[in-house]
């Protein structure tokens, strides 16, 4: 399994200013412009997300995917697993990634990810 490089993490972090904008109008246009798809593509192309049995991992780890308060305590591997699970859930649940943008999860996640850049 390939791991993301610091350059790859910095590519992902380039989305932070956009996802951190609290304006509902900015979020709506961000989605309309396909920026969410671009972020997902970057997560894939940088090897940040990767295939693994995320359902089993979620059951075993007991991690609450919606809890942003613990993000800063997770290592890079756990951060990768968290985002992989979110992206995979998004494939089966329309609007999931947009919800992560709207509720501030993506901003919190990317802010925490800066530790690894």
PDB file of N, CA and C in Angstrom:
ATOM      1  N   UNK A   1       0.851  -1.175   0.000  1.00  0.00           N
ATOM      2  CA  UNK A   1       0.000   0.000   0.000  1.00  0.00           C
ATOM      3  C   UNK A   1       0.894   1.236   0.000  1.00  0.00           C
ATOM      4  N   UNK A   2       0.704   2.082  -0.969  1.00  0.00           N
ATOM      5  CA  UNK A   2       1.472   3.326  -1.059  1.00  0.00           C
ATOM      6  C   UNK A   2       0.970   4.323  -0.022  1.00  0.00           C
ATOM      7  N   UNK A   3       1.878   5.092   0.494  1.00  0.00           N
ATOM      8  CA  UNK A   3       1.492   6.106   1.476  1.00  0.00           C
ATOM      9  C   UNK A   3       1.617   7.482   0.834  1.00  0.00           C
ATOM     10  N   UNK A   4       0.837   8.430   1.305  1.00  0.00           N
ATOM     11  CA  UNK A   4       0.912   9.774   0.733  1.00  0.00           C
ATOM     12  C   UNK A   4       2.220  10.463   1.138  1.00  0.00           C
ATOM     13  N   UNK A   5       2.768  11.222   0.217  1.00  0.00           N
ATOM     14  CA  UNK A   5       3.967  11.998   0.499  1.00  0.00           C
ATOM     15  C   UNK A   5       3.572  13.330   1.129  1.00  0.00           C
ATOM     16  N   UNK A   6       4.554  14.048   1.633  1.00  0.00           N
ATOM     17  CA  UNK A   6       4.280  15.389   2.163  1.00  0.00           C
ATOM     18  C   UNK A   6       3.740  16.283   1.050  1.00  0.00           C
ATOM     19  N   UNK A   7       4.247  16.105  -0.158  1.00  0.00           N
ATOM     20  CA  UNK A   7       3.737  16.885  -1.293  1.00  0.00           C
ATOM     21  C   UNK A   7       2.274  16.557  -1.553  1.00  0.00           C
ATOM     22  N   UNK A   8       1.936  15.275  -1.448  1.00  0.00           N
ATOM     23  CA  UNK A   8       0.548  14.867  -1.634  1.00  0.00           C
ATOM     24  C   UNK A   8      -0.356  15.448  -0.560  1.00  0.00           C
ATOM     25  N   UNK A   9       0.111  15.424   0.668  1.00  0.00           N
ATOM     26  CA  UNK A   9      -0.674  16.005   1.760  1.00  0.00           C
ATOM     27  C   UNK A   9      -0.854  17.502   1.529  1.00  0.00           C
ATOM     28  N   UNK A  10       0.187  18.160   1.047  1.00  0.00           N
ATOM     29  CA  UNK A  10       0.057  19.590   0.753  1.00  0.00           C
ATOM     30  C   UNK A  10      -0.932  19.853  -0.374  1.00  0.00           C
ATOM     31  N   UNK A  11      -1.012  18.949  -1.341  1.00  0.00           N
ATOM     32  CA  UNK A  11      -2.025  19.083  -2.401  1.00  0.00           C
ATOM     33  C   UNK A  11      -3.428  19.015  -1.791  1.00  0.00           C
ATOM     34  N   UNK A  12      -3.611  18.094  -0.876  1.00  0.00           N
ATOM     35  CA  UNK A  12      -4.908  17.960  -0.193  1.00  0.00           C
ATOM     36  C   UNK A  12      -5.196  19.221   0.612  1.00  0.00           C
ATOM     37  N   UNK A  13      -4.183  19.713   1.307  1.00  0.00           N
ATOM     38  CA  UNK A  13      -4.369  20.900   2.148  1.00  0.00           C
ATOM     39  C   UNK A  13      -4.668  22.158   1.340  1.00  0.00           C
ATOM     40  N   UNK A  14      -4.394  22.144   0.042  1.00  0.00           N
ATOM     41  CA  UNK A  14      -4.714  23.319  -0.779  1.00  0.00           C
ATOM     42  C   UNK A  14      -6.220  23.578  -0.819  1.00  0.00           C
ATOM     43  N   UNK A  15      -7.025  22.595  -0.424  1.00  0.00           N
ATOM     44  CA  UNK A  15      -8.474  22.759  -0.381  1.00  0.00           C
ATOM     45  C   UNK A  15      -8.957  23.398   0.925  1.00  0.00           C
ATOM     46  N   UNK A  16      -8.082  23.504   1.911  1.00  0.00           N
ATOM     47  CA  UNK A  16      -8.487  23.999   3.226  1.00  0.00           C
ATOM     48  C   UNK A  16      -9.122  25.396   3.191  1.00  0.00           C
ATOM     49  N   UNK A  17      -8.560  26.364   2.487  1.00  0.00           N
ATOM     50  CA  UNK A  17      -9.222  27.683   2.483  1.00  0.00           C
ATOM     51  C   UNK A  17     -10.662  27.623   1.975  1.00  0.00           C
ATOM     52  N   UNK A  18     -10.911  26.779   0.997  1.00  0.00           N
ATOM     53  CA  UNK A  18     -12.260  26.658   0.449  1.00  0.00           C
ATOM     54  C   UNK A  18     -13.220  26.011   1.440  1.00  0.00           C
ATOM     55  N   UNK A  19     -12.808  24.915   2.053  1.00  0.00           N
ATOM     56  CA  UNK A  19     -13.724  24.207   2.953  1.00  0.00           C
ATOM     57  C   UNK A  19     -13.911  24.943   4.271  1.00  0.00           C
ATOM     58  N   UNK A  20     -13.000  25.858   4.575  1.00  0.00           N
ATOM     59  CA  UNK A  20     -13.093  26.616   5.824  1.00  0.00           C
ATOM     60  C   UNK A  20     -13.990  27.833   5.713  1.00  0.00           C
ATOM     61  N   UNK A  21     -14.422  28.183   4.520  1.00  0.00           N
ATOM     62  CA  UNK A  21     -15.264  29.360   4.315  1.00  0.00           C
ATOM     63  C   UNK A  21     -16.659  29.070   4.866  1.00  0.00           C
ATOM     64  N   UNK A  22     -17.076  29.802   5.896  1.00  0.00           N
ATOM     65  CA  UNK A  22     -18.364  29.504   6.542  1.00  0.00           C
ATOM     66  C   UNK A  22     -19.597  29.953   5.757  1.00  0.00           C
ATOM     67  N   UNK A  23     -19.384  30.678   4.691  1.00  0.00           N
ATOM     68  CA  UNK A  23     -20.514  31.201   3.923  1.00  0.00           C
ATOM     69  C   UNK A  23     -21.269  30.071   3.223  1.00  0.00           C
ATOM     70  N   UNK A  24     -22.551  30.026   3.426  1.00  0.00           N
ATOM     71  CA  UNK A  24     -23.382  29.008   2.761  1.00  0.00           C
ATOM     72  C   UNK A  24     -23.321  29.181   1.247  1.00  0.00           C
ATOM     73  N   UNK A  25     -23.261  30.415   0.791  1.00  0.00           N
ATOM     74  CA  UNK A  25     -23.172  30.682  -0.645  1.00  0.00           C
ATOM     75  C   UNK A  25     -21.869  30.132  -1.201  1.00  0.00           C
ATOM     76  N   UNK A  26     -20.784  30.356  -0.465  1.00  0.00           N
ATOM     77  CA  UNK A  26     -19.490  29.845  -0.913  1.00  0.00           C
ATOM     78  C   UNK A  26     -19.495  28.322  -0.955  1.00  0.00           C
ATOM     79  N   UNK A  27     -20.103  27.700   0.038  1.00  0.00           N
ATOM     80  CA  UNK A  27     -20.161  26.236   0.063  1.00  0.00           C
ATOM     81  C   UNK A  27     -20.989  25.705  -1.104  1.00  0.00           C
ATOM     82  N   UNK A  28     -22.101  26.357  -1.379  1.00  0.00           N
ATOM     83  CA  UNK A  28     -22.958  25.908  -2.477  1.00  0.00           C
ATOM     84  C   UNK A  28     -22.224  26.023  -3.807  1.00  0.00           C
ATOM     85  N   UNK A  29     -21.541  27.144  -4.029  1.00  0.00           N
ATOM     86  CA  UNK A  29     -20.837  27.315  -5.291  1.00  0.00           C
ATOM     87  C   UNK A  29     -19.639  26.377  -5.362  1.00  0.00           C
ATOM     88  N   UNK A  30     -19.034  26.105  -4.205  1.00  0.00           N
ATOM     89  CA  UNK A  30     -17.901  25.185  -4.169  1.00  0.00           C
ATOM     90  C   UNK A  30     -18.337  23.819  -4.667  1.00  0.00           C
ATOM     91  N   UNK A  31     -19.496  23.386  -4.226  1.00  0.00           N
ATOM     92  CA  UNK A  31     -20.025  22.106  -4.669  1.00  0.00           C
ATOM     93  C   UNK A  31     -20.428  22.162  -6.140  1.00  0.00           C
ATOM     94  N   UNK A  32     -21.098  23.238  -6.512  1.00  0.00           N
ATOM     95  CA  UNK A  32     -21.565  23.374  -7.888  1.00  0.00           C
ATOM     96  C   UNK A  32     -20.413  23.358  -8.884  1.00  0.00           C
ATOM     97  N   UNK A  33     -19.278  23.875  -8.484  1.00  0.00           N
ATOM     98  CA  UNK A  33     -18.125  23.952  -9.375  1.00  0.00           C
ATOM     99  C   UNK A  33     -17.371  22.630  -9.469  1.00  0.00           C
ATOM    100  N   UNK A  34     -17.832  21.643  -8.781  1.00  0.00           N
ATOM    101  CA  UNK A  34     -17.180  20.346  -8.835  1.00  0.00           C
ATOM    102  C   UNK A  34     -15.944  20.257  -7.953  1.00  0.00           C
ATOM    103  N   UNK A  35     -15.781  21.206  -7.035  1.00  0.00           N
ATOM    104  CA  UNK A  35     -14.606  21.187  -6.167  1.00  0.00           C
ATOM    105  C   UNK A  35     -14.621  19.959  -5.244  1.00  0.00           C
ATOM    106  N   UNK A  36     -15.798  19.506  -4.849  1.00  0.00           N
ATOM    107  CA  UNK A  36     -15.846  18.290  -4.032  1.00  0.00           C
ATOM    108  C   UNK A  36     -15.288  17.107  -4.813  1.00  0.00           C
ATOM    109  N   UNK A  37     -15.655  17.020  -6.080  1.00  0.00           N
ATOM    110  CA  UNK A  37     -15.120  15.937  -6.912  1.00  0.00           C
ATOM    111  C   UNK A  37     -13.616  16.083  -7.082  1.00  0.00           C
ATOM    112  N   UNK A  38     -13.152  17.310  -7.186  1.00  0.00           N
ATOM    113  CA  UNK A  38     -11.720  17.560  -7.301  1.00  0.00           C
ATOM    114  C   UNK A  38     -10.988  17.138  -6.022  1.00  0.00           C
ATOM    115  N   UNK A  39     -11.563  17.455  -4.882  1.00  0.00           N
ATOM    116  CA  UNK A  39     -10.972  17.036  -3.609  1.00  0.00           C
ATOM    117  C   UNK A  39     -10.918  15.518  -3.526  1.00  0.00           C
ATOM    118  N   UNK A  40     -12.007  14.860  -3.868  1.00  0.00           N
ATOM    119  CA  UNK A  40     -12.042  13.392  -3.838  1.00  0.00           C
ATOM    120  C   UNK A  40     -10.990  12.819  -4.785  1.00  0.00           C
ATOM    121  N   UNK A  41     -10.874  13.410  -5.970  1.00  0.00           N
ATOM    122  CA  UNK A  41      -9.853  12.966  -6.922  1.00  0.00           C
ATOM    123  C   UNK A  41      -8.450  13.124  -6.373  1.00  0.00           C
ATOM    124  N   UNK A  42      -8.204  14.235  -5.676  1.00  0.00           N
ATOM    125  CA  UNK A  42      -6.894  14.475  -5.086  1.00  0.00           C
ATOM    126  C   UNK A  42      -6.614  13.489  -3.952  1.00  0.00           C
ATOM    127  N   UNK A  43      -7.621  13.205  -3.141  1.00  0.00           N
ATOM    128  CA  UNK A  43      -7.455  12.206  -2.081  1.00  0.00           C
ATOM    129  C   UNK A  43      -7.073  10.851  -2.673  1.00  0.00           C
ATOM    130  N   UNK A  44      -7.653  10.523  -3.813  1.00  0.00           N
ATOM    131  CA  UNK A  44      -7.332   9.255  -4.476  1.00  0.00           C
ATOM    132  C   UNK A  44      -5.955   9.293  -5.134  1.00  0.00           C
ATOM    133  N   UNK A  45      -5.668  10.346  -5.887  1.00  0.00           N
ATOM    134  CA  UNK A  45      -4.419  10.394  -6.656  1.00  0.00           C
ATOM    135  C   UNK A  45      -3.182  10.519  -5.777  1.00  0.00           C
ATOM    136  N   UNK A  46      -3.341  11.015  -4.568  1.00  0.00           N
ATOM    137  CA  UNK A  46      -2.207  11.139  -3.651  1.00  0.00           C
ATOM    138  C   UNK A  46      -2.057   9.915  -2.744  1.00  0.00           C
ATOM    139  N   UNK A  47      -2.862   8.903  -2.967  1.00  0.00           N
ATOM    140  CA  UNK A  47      -2.856   7.674  -2.160  1.00  0.00           C
ATOM    141  C   UNK A  47      -3.262   7.913  -0.713  1.00  0.00           C
ATOM    142  N   UNK A  48      -4.018   8.979  -0.470  1.00  0.00           N
ATOM    143  CA  UNK A  48      -4.483   9.212   0.888  1.00  0.00           C
ATOM    144  C   UNK A  48      -5.587   8.232   1.239  1.00  0.00           C
ATOM    145  N   UNK A  49      -6.524   8.040   0.347  1.00  0.00           N
ATOM    146  CA  UNK A  49      -7.550   7.019   0.561  1.00  0.00           C
ATOM    147  C   UNK A  49      -7.105   5.748  -0.163  1.00  0.00           C
ATOM    148  N   UNK A  50      -7.483   4.629   0.384  1.00  0.00           N
ATOM    149  CA  UNK A  50      -7.030   3.362  -0.173  1.00  0.00           C
ATOM    150  C   UNK A  50      -8.038   2.270   0.191  1.00  0.00           C
ATOM    151  N   UNK A  51      -8.026   1.185  -0.567  1.00  0.00           N
ATOM    152  CA  UNK A  51      -8.989   0.112  -0.297  1.00  0.00           C
ATOM    153  C   UNK A  51      -8.624  -0.704   0.946  1.00  0.00           C
ATOM    154  N   UNK A  52      -9.580  -0.865   1.812  1.00  0.00           N
ATOM    155  CA  UNK A  52      -9.479  -1.755   2.966  1.00  0.00           C
ATOM    156  C   UNK A  52     -10.898  -1.975   3.471  1.00  0.00           C
ATOM    157  N   UNK A  53     -11.090  -2.903   4.364  1.00  0.00           N
ATOM    158  CA  UNK A  53     -12.413  -3.219   4.885  1.00  0.00           C
ATOM    159  C   UNK A  53     -12.789  -2.198   5.960  1.00  0.00           C
ATOM    160  N   UNK A  54     -13.290  -1.067   5.508  1.00  0.00           N
ATOM    161  CA  UNK A  54     -13.584   0.024   6.448  1.00  0.00           C
ATOM    162  C   UNK A  54     -14.735  -0.327   7.392  1.00  0.00           C
ATOM    163  N   UNK A  55     -15.675  -1.144   6.958  1.00  0.00           N
ATOM    164  CA  UNK A  55     -16.773  -1.534   7.850  1.00  0.00           C
ATOM    165  C   UNK A  55     -16.251  -2.330   9.043  1.00  0.00           C
ATOM    166  N   UNK A  56     -15.374  -3.285   8.777  1.00  0.00           N
ATOM    167  CA  UNK A  56     -14.798  -4.077   9.866  1.00  0.00           C
ATOM    168  C   UNK A  56     -13.957  -3.185  10.776  1.00  0.00           C
ATOM    169  N   UNK A  57     -13.173  -2.292  10.180  1.00  0.00           N
ATOM    170  CA  UNK A  57     -12.337  -1.396  10.974  1.00  0.00           C
ATOM    171  C   UNK A  57     -13.186  -0.499  11.877  1.00  0.00           C
ATOM    172  N   UNK A  58     -14.280   0.028  11.339  1.00  0.00           N
ATOM    173  CA  UNK A  58     -15.156   0.879  12.151  1.00  0.00           C
ATOM    174  C   UNK A  58     -15.740   0.098  13.327  1.00  0.00           C
ATOM    175  N   UNK A  59     -16.169  -1.135  13.071  1.00  0.00           N
ATOM    176  CA  UNK A  59     -16.706  -1.968  14.148  1.00  0.00           C
ATOM    177  C   UNK A  59     -15.637  -2.237  15.208  1.00  0.00           C
ATOM    178  N   UNK A  60     -14.447  -2.598  14.767  1.00  0.00           N
ATOM    179  CA  UNK A  60     -13.370  -2.956  15.696  1.00  0.00           C
ATOM    180  C   UNK A  60     -12.832  -1.750  16.463  1.00  0.00           C
ATOM    181  N   UNK A  61     -12.699  -0.616  15.783  1.00  0.00           N
ATOM    182  CA  UNK A  61     -12.078   0.560  16.404  1.00  0.00           C
ATOM    183  C   UNK A  61     -13.035   1.300  17.333  1.00  0.00           C
ATOM    184  N   UNK A  62     -14.325   1.211  17.037  1.00  0.00           N
ATOM    185  CA  UNK A  62     -15.301   1.946  17.828  1.00  0.00           C
ATOM    186  C   UNK A  62     -15.268   3.452  17.596  1.00  0.00           C
ATOM    187  N   UNK A  63     -14.560   3.882  16.565  1.00  0.00           N
ATOM    188  CA  UNK A  63     -14.447   5.311  16.263  1.00  0.00           C
ATOM    189  C   UNK A  63     -15.771   5.836  15.725  1.00  0.00           C
ATOM    190  N   UNK A  64     -16.156   6.990  16.231  1.00  0.00           N
ATOM    191  CA  UNK A  64     -17.347   7.687  15.758  1.00  0.00           C
ATOM    192  C   UNK A  64     -16.910   8.619  14.635  1.00  0.00           C
ATOM    193  N   UNK A  65     -17.339   8.328  13.419  1.00  0.00           N
ATOM    194  CA  UNK A  65     -16.926   9.120  12.257  1.00  0.00           C
ATOM    195  C   UNK A  65     -17.329  10.584  12.344  1.00  0.00           C
ATOM    196  N   UNK A  66     -18.337  10.898  13.119  1.00  0.00           N
ATOM    197  CA  UNK A  66     -18.802  12.290  13.181  1.00  0.00           C
ATOM    198  C   UNK A  66     -18.091  13.103  14.262  1.00  0.00           C
ATOM    199  N   UNK A  67     -17.272  12.454  15.082  1.00  0.00           N
ATOM    200  CA  UNK A  67     -16.612  13.136  16.199  1.00  0.00           C
ATOM    201  C   UNK A  67     -15.311  13.784  15.740  1.00  0.00           C
ATOM    202  N   UNK A  68     -15.323  15.103  15.612  1.00  0.00           N
ATOM    203  CA  UNK A  68     -14.123  15.824  15.187  1.00  0.00           C
ATOM    204  C   UNK A  68     -13.219  16.180  16.368  1.00  0.00           C
ATOM    205  N   UNK A  69     -13.689  16.000  17.586  1.00  0.00           N
ATOM    206  CA  UNK A  69     -12.917  16.428  18.752  1.00  0.00           C
ATOM    207  C   UNK A  69     -11.645  15.612  18.959  1.00  0.00           C
ATOM    208  N   UNK A  70     -11.575  14.431  18.374  1.00  0.00           N
ATOM    209  CA  UNK A  70     -10.412  13.564  18.580  1.00  0.00           C
ATOM    210  C   UNK A  70      -9.460  13.546  17.384  1.00  0.00           C
ATOM    211  N   UNK A  71      -9.761  14.295  16.349  1.00  0.00           N
ATOM    212  CA  UNK A  71      -8.940  14.243  15.140  1.00  0.00           C
ATOM    213  C   UNK A  71      -7.467  14.502  15.429  1.00  0.00           C
ATOM    214  N   UNK A  72      -7.172  15.463  16.279  1.00  0.00           N
ATOM    215  CA  UNK A  72      -5.780  15.812  16.553  1.00  0.00           C
ATOM    216  C   UNK A  72      -5.021  14.724  17.300  1.00  0.00           C
ATOM    217  N   UNK A  73      -5.722  13.728  17.820  1.00  0.00           N
ATOM    218  CA  UNK A  73      -5.047  12.645  18.541  1.00  0.00           C
ATOM    219  C   UNK A  73      -4.740  11.446  17.641  1.00  0.00           C
ATOM    220  N   UNK A  74      -5.248  11.449  16.419  1.00  0.00           N
ATOM    221  CA  UNK A  74      -5.059  10.296  15.536  1.00  0.00           C
ATOM    222  C   UNK A  74      -3.754  10.396  14.756  1.00  0.00           C
ATOM    223  N   UNK A  75      -3.144   9.237  14.518  1.00  0.00           N
ATOM    224  CA  UNK A  75      -1.956   9.196  13.678  1.00  0.00           C
ATOM    225  C   UNK A  75      -2.381   9.262  12.209  1.00  0.00           C
ATOM    226  N   UNK A  76      -1.400   9.358  11.329  1.00  0.00           N
ATOM    227  CA  UNK A  76      -1.701   9.518   9.905  1.00  0.00           C
ATOM    228  C   UNK A  76      -2.481   8.331   9.361  1.00  0.00           C
ATOM    229  N   UNK A  77      -2.131   7.137   9.774  1.00  0.00           N
ATOM    230  CA  UNK A  77      -2.839   5.951   9.278  1.00  0.00           C
ATOM    231  C   UNK A  77      -4.320   5.990   9.665  1.00  0.00           C
ATOM    232  N   UNK A  78      -4.608   6.380  10.878  1.00  0.00           N
ATOM    233  CA  UNK A  78      -6.005   6.477  11.307  1.00  0.00           C
ATOM    234  C   UNK A  78      -6.718   7.585  10.547  1.00  0.00           C
ATOM    235  N   UNK A  79      -6.043   8.689  10.309  1.00  0.00           N
ATOM    236  CA  UNK A  79      -6.644   9.778   9.521  1.00  0.00           C
ATOM    237  C   UNK A  79      -6.980   9.279   8.115  1.00  0.00           C
ATOM    238  N   UNK A  80      -6.091   8.520   7.536  1.00  0.00           N
ATOM    239  CA  UNK A  80      -6.350   7.964   6.204  1.00  0.00           C
ATOM    240  C   UNK A  80      -7.559   7.035   6.231  1.00  0.00           C
ATOM    241  N   UNK A  81      -7.638   6.196   7.254  1.00  0.00           N
ATOM    242  CA  UNK A  81      -8.769   5.275   7.365  1.00  0.00           C
ATOM    243  C   UNK A  81     -10.076   6.032   7.557  1.00  0.00           C
ATOM    244  N   UNK A  82     -10.039   7.073   8.374  1.00  0.00           N
ATOM    245  CA  UNK A  82     -11.245   7.882   8.581  1.00  0.00           C
ATOM    246  C   UNK A  82     -11.746   8.470   7.271  1.00  0.00           C
ATOM    247  N   UNK A  83     -10.841   9.088   6.521  1.00  0.00           N
ATOM    248  CA  UNK A  83     -11.273   9.723   5.274  1.00  0.00           C
ATOM    249  C   UNK A  83     -11.663   8.682   4.234  1.00  0.00           C
ATOM    250  N   UNK A  84     -10.966   7.566   4.201  1.00  0.00           N
ATOM    251  CA  UNK A  84     -11.352   6.501   3.274  1.00  0.00           C
ATOM    252  C   UNK A  84     -12.782   6.045   3.576  1.00  0.00           C
ATOM    253  N   UNK A  85     -13.088   5.844   4.848  1.00  0.00           N
ATOM    254  CA  UNK A  85     -14.447   5.441   5.229  1.00  0.00           C
ATOM    255  C   UNK A  85     -15.458   6.496   4.805  1.00  0.00           C
ATOM    256  N   UNK A  86     -15.147   7.765   5.036  1.00  0.00           N
ATOM    257  CA  UNK A  86     -16.078   8.848   4.652  1.00  0.00           C
ATOM    258  C   UNK A  86     -16.317   8.847   3.144  1.00  0.00           C
ATOM    259  N   UNK A  87     -15.262   8.701   2.368  1.00  0.00           N
ATOM    260  CA  UNK A  87     -15.389   8.705   0.904  1.00  0.00           C
ATOM    261  C   UNK A  87     -16.180   7.491   0.438  1.00  0.00           C
ATOM    262  N   UNK A  88     -15.914   6.337   1.011  1.00  0.00           N
ATOM    263  CA  UNK A  88     -16.652   5.122   0.618  1.00  0.00           C
ATOM    264  C   UNK A  88     -18.135   5.239   0.993  1.00  0.00           C
ATOM    265  N   UNK A  89     -18.411   5.770   2.159  1.00  0.00           N
ATOM    266  CA  UNK A  89     -19.807   5.991   2.550  1.00  0.00           C
ATOM    267  C   UNK A  89     -20.470   6.947   1.575  1.00  0.00           C
ATOM    268  N   UNK A  90     -19.733   7.965   1.158  1.00  0.00           N
ATOM    269  CA  UNK A  90     -20.261   8.929   0.197  1.00  0.00           C
ATOM    270  C   UNK A  90     -20.645   8.311  -1.132  1.00  0.00           C
ATOM    271  N   UNK A  91     -19.992   7.236  -1.498  1.00  0.00           N
ATOM    272  CA  UNK A  91     -20.333   6.561  -2.763  1.00  0.00           C
ATOM    273  C   UNK A  91     -21.689   5.882  -2.696  1.00  0.00           C
ATOM    274  N   UNK A  92     -22.092   5.518  -1.497  1.00  0.00           N
ATOM    275  CA  UNK A  92     -23.355   4.805  -1.329  1.00  0.00           C
ATOM    276  C   UNK A  92     -24.450   5.671  -0.730  1.00  0.00           C
ATOM    277  N   UNK A  93     -24.114   6.854  -0.304  1.00  0.00           N
ATOM    278  CA  UNK A  93     -25.074   7.748   0.338  1.00  0.00           C
ATOM    279  C   UNK A  93     -24.965   9.126  -0.296  1.00  0.00           C
ATOM    280  N   UNK A  94     -25.833   9.393  -1.242  1.00  0.00           N
ATOM    281  CA  UNK A  94     -25.805  10.670  -1.944  1.00  0.00           C
ATOM    282  C   UNK A  94     -25.873  11.851  -0.990  1.00  0.00           C
ATOM    283  N   UNK A  95     -24.991  12.811  -1.189  1.00  0.00           N
ATOM    284  CA  UNK A  95     -24.990  14.010  -0.382  1.00  0.00           C
ATOM    285  C   UNK A  95     -24.129  13.920   0.866  1.00  0.00           C
ATOM    286  N   UNK A  96     -23.525  12.760   1.118  1.00  0.00           N
ATOM    287  CA  UNK A  96     -22.734  12.597   2.344  1.00  0.00           C
ATOM    288  C   UNK A  96     -21.539  13.554   2.376  1.00  0.00           C
ATOM    289  N   UNK A  97     -20.809  13.650   1.288  1.00  0.00           N
ATOM    290  CA  UNK A  97     -19.620  14.509   1.257  1.00  0.00           C
ATOM    291  C   UNK A  97     -20.026  15.975   1.362  1.00  0.00           C
ATOM    292  N   UNK A  98     -21.124  16.342   0.731  1.00  0.00           N
ATOM    293  CA  UNK A  98     -21.636  17.713   0.860  1.00  0.00           C
ATOM    294  C   UNK A  98     -21.991  18.005   2.316  1.00  0.00           C
ATOM    295  N   UNK A  99     -22.551  17.032   3.006  1.00  0.00           N
ATOM    296  CA  UNK A  99     -22.868  17.201   4.430  1.00  0.00           C
ATOM    297  C   UNK A  99     -21.593  17.421   5.232  1.00  0.00           C
ATOM    298  N   UNK A 100     -20.536  16.689   4.905  1.00  0.00           N
ATOM    299  CA  UNK A 100     -19.255  16.872   5.599  1.00  0.00           C
ATOM    300  C   UNK A 100     -18.701  18.273   5.382  1.00  0.00           C
ATOM    301  N   UNK A 101     -18.950  18.814   4.215  1.00  0.00           N
ATOM    302  CA  UNK A 101     -18.547  20.200   3.945  1.00  0.00           C
ATOM    303  C   UNK A 101     -19.396  21.163   4.764  1.00  0.00           C
ATOM    304  N   UNK A 102     -20.695  20.979   4.721  1.00  0.00           N
ATOM    305  CA  UNK A 102     -21.617  21.911   5.378  1.00  0.00           C
ATOM    306  C   UNK A 102     -21.512  21.902   6.897  1.00  0.00           C
ATOM    307  N   UNK A 103     -21.235  20.742   7.487  1.00  0.00           N
ATOM    308  CA  UNK A 103     -21.199  20.686   8.955  1.00  0.00           C
ATOM    309  C   UNK A 103     -19.815  20.973   9.536  1.00  0.00           C
ATOM    310  N   UNK A 104     -18.845  21.278   8.677  1.00  0.00           N
ATOM    311  CA  UNK A 104     -17.516  21.655   9.139  1.00  0.00           C
ATOM    312  C   UNK A 104     -16.547  20.500   9.321  1.00  0.00           C
ATOM    313  N   UNK A 105     -17.000  19.278   9.053  1.00  0.00           N
ATOM    314  CA  UNK A 105     -16.116  18.125   9.237  1.00  0.00           C
ATOM    315  C   UNK A 105     -14.881  18.224   8.343  1.00  0.00           C
ATOM    316  N   UNK A 106     -15.075  18.554   7.060  1.00  0.00           N
ATOM    317  CA  UNK A 106     -13.927  18.625   6.156  1.00  0.00           C
ATOM    318  C   UNK A 106     -12.926  19.676   6.616  1.00  0.00           C
ATOM    319  N   UNK A 107     -13.411  20.813   7.066  1.00  0.00           N
ATOM    320  CA  UNK A 107     -12.509  21.861   7.559  1.00  0.00           C
ATOM    321  C   UNK A 107     -11.732  21.368   8.780  1.00  0.00           C
ATOM    322  N   UNK A 108     -12.408  20.717   9.697  1.00  0.00           N
ATOM    323  CA  UNK A 108     -11.740  20.198  10.894  1.00  0.00           C
ATOM    324  C   UNK A 108     -10.721  19.123  10.529  1.00  0.00           C
ATOM    325  N   UNK A 109     -11.090  18.262   9.607  1.00  0.00           N
ATOM    326  CA  UNK A 109     -10.198  17.186   9.190  1.00  0.00           C
ATOM    327  C   UNK A 109      -8.934  17.752   8.551  1.00  0.00           C
ATOM    328  N   UNK A 110      -9.112  18.658   7.594  1.00  0.00           N
ATOM    329  CA  UNK A 110      -7.951  19.218   6.906  1.00  0.00           C
ATOM    330  C   UNK A 110      -7.092  20.058   7.845  1.00  0.00           C
ATOM    331  N   UNK A 111      -7.721  20.755   8.763  1.00  0.00           N
ATOM    332  CA  UNK A 111      -6.957  21.518   9.747  1.00  0.00           C
ATOM    333  C   UNK A 111      -6.085  20.577  10.583  1.00  0.00           C
ATOM    334  N   UNK A 112      -6.631  19.462  10.980  1.00  0.00           N
ATOM    335  CA  UNK A 112      -5.864  18.484  11.746  1.00  0.00           C
ATOM    336  C   UNK A 112      -4.770  17.848  10.894  1.00  0.00           C
ATOM    337  N   UNK A 113      -5.036  17.671   9.624  1.00  0.00           N
ATOM    338  CA  UNK A 113      -4.078  17.041   8.715  1.00  0.00           C
ATOM    339  C   UNK A 113      -2.802  17.882   8.540  1.00  0.00           C
ATOM    340  N   UNK A 114      -2.879  19.166   8.824  1.00  0.00           N
ATOM    341  CA  UNK A 114      -1.703  20.040   8.667  1.00  0.00           C
ATOM    342  C   UNK A 114      -0.517  19.540   9.485  1.00  0.00           C
ATOM    343  N   UNK A 115      -0.756  18.796  10.534  1.00  0.00           N
ATOM    344  CA  UNK A 115       0.321  18.264  11.390  1.00  0.00           C
ATOM    345  C   UNK A 115       1.287  17.380  10.612  1.00  0.00           C
ATOM    346  N   UNK A 116       0.806  16.795   9.520  1.00  0.00           N
ATOM    347  CA  UNK A 116       1.596  15.816   8.775  1.00  0.00           C
ATOM    348  C   UNK A 116       2.239  16.396   7.518  1.00  0.00           C
ATOM    349  N   UNK A 117       2.057  17.672   7.282  1.00  0.00           N
ATOM    350  CA  UNK A 117       2.602  18.301   6.063  1.00  0.00           C
ATOM    351  C   UNK A 117       4.060  18.687   6.263  1.00  0.00           C
TER     352      UNK A 117
END
